[in-house]
Amino acid sequence: MSKVTDMVFELAKPFADEFGLELVDVTYEKKHDGMNLTLIIDKDGGVDINDCEKLHRAIDEPLDKLNPTSDSPYILNVSSPGLDRPLTKTRDFEKNLNKIIIVKLYAPLDGKKQYTGTLLSYDDLQFTIDVSGEKITFDRAKTASVVPFIKF
């Protein structure tokens, strides 16, 4: 995390905790409309617009006082992780255990760069999926992306 995101995470976490929310991530990045400071929140059962608005209102004034961007303008967003949020943290793998995921690789493995299967196990370095009865283990560092399989 950058200095800005670290500062904002530390400021917002107690507010999120108080509301029964998990502060998943904080990003500070340039988008088409300028700099965006985005707080990603989650909770069991998922978050709704009311959760986002509640945290936004609670941190607005303390964030102004903290001034993490040294008076540089930004747009504040509070958002849910989304259904298709990539699995990047151990918590993401935990929430998707025994669920179907899609694994995309940087380099082919057995001639394929994409696998879809049920997440069987994981640790900080690797994870294993079941693809039609075959167990395949991947190094987390060698995956381009890992996302939940979403059936429409």
Foldseek 3Di string as FASTA:
>chain_A
DDQLFVVVCVQLQVVCVVVQKHFPGWDWDQDPVGTETETEIAHVVGDDPVSFVSSCVVCVVVCVVVVSVVPDDYHYGYYYCDQWRWPDDPVSLVVQAQAKKKWAFPDDDVNDRIAIFHWHDDDPFWTWGAGPNDIDIDGPVGTPTMTGDDDD
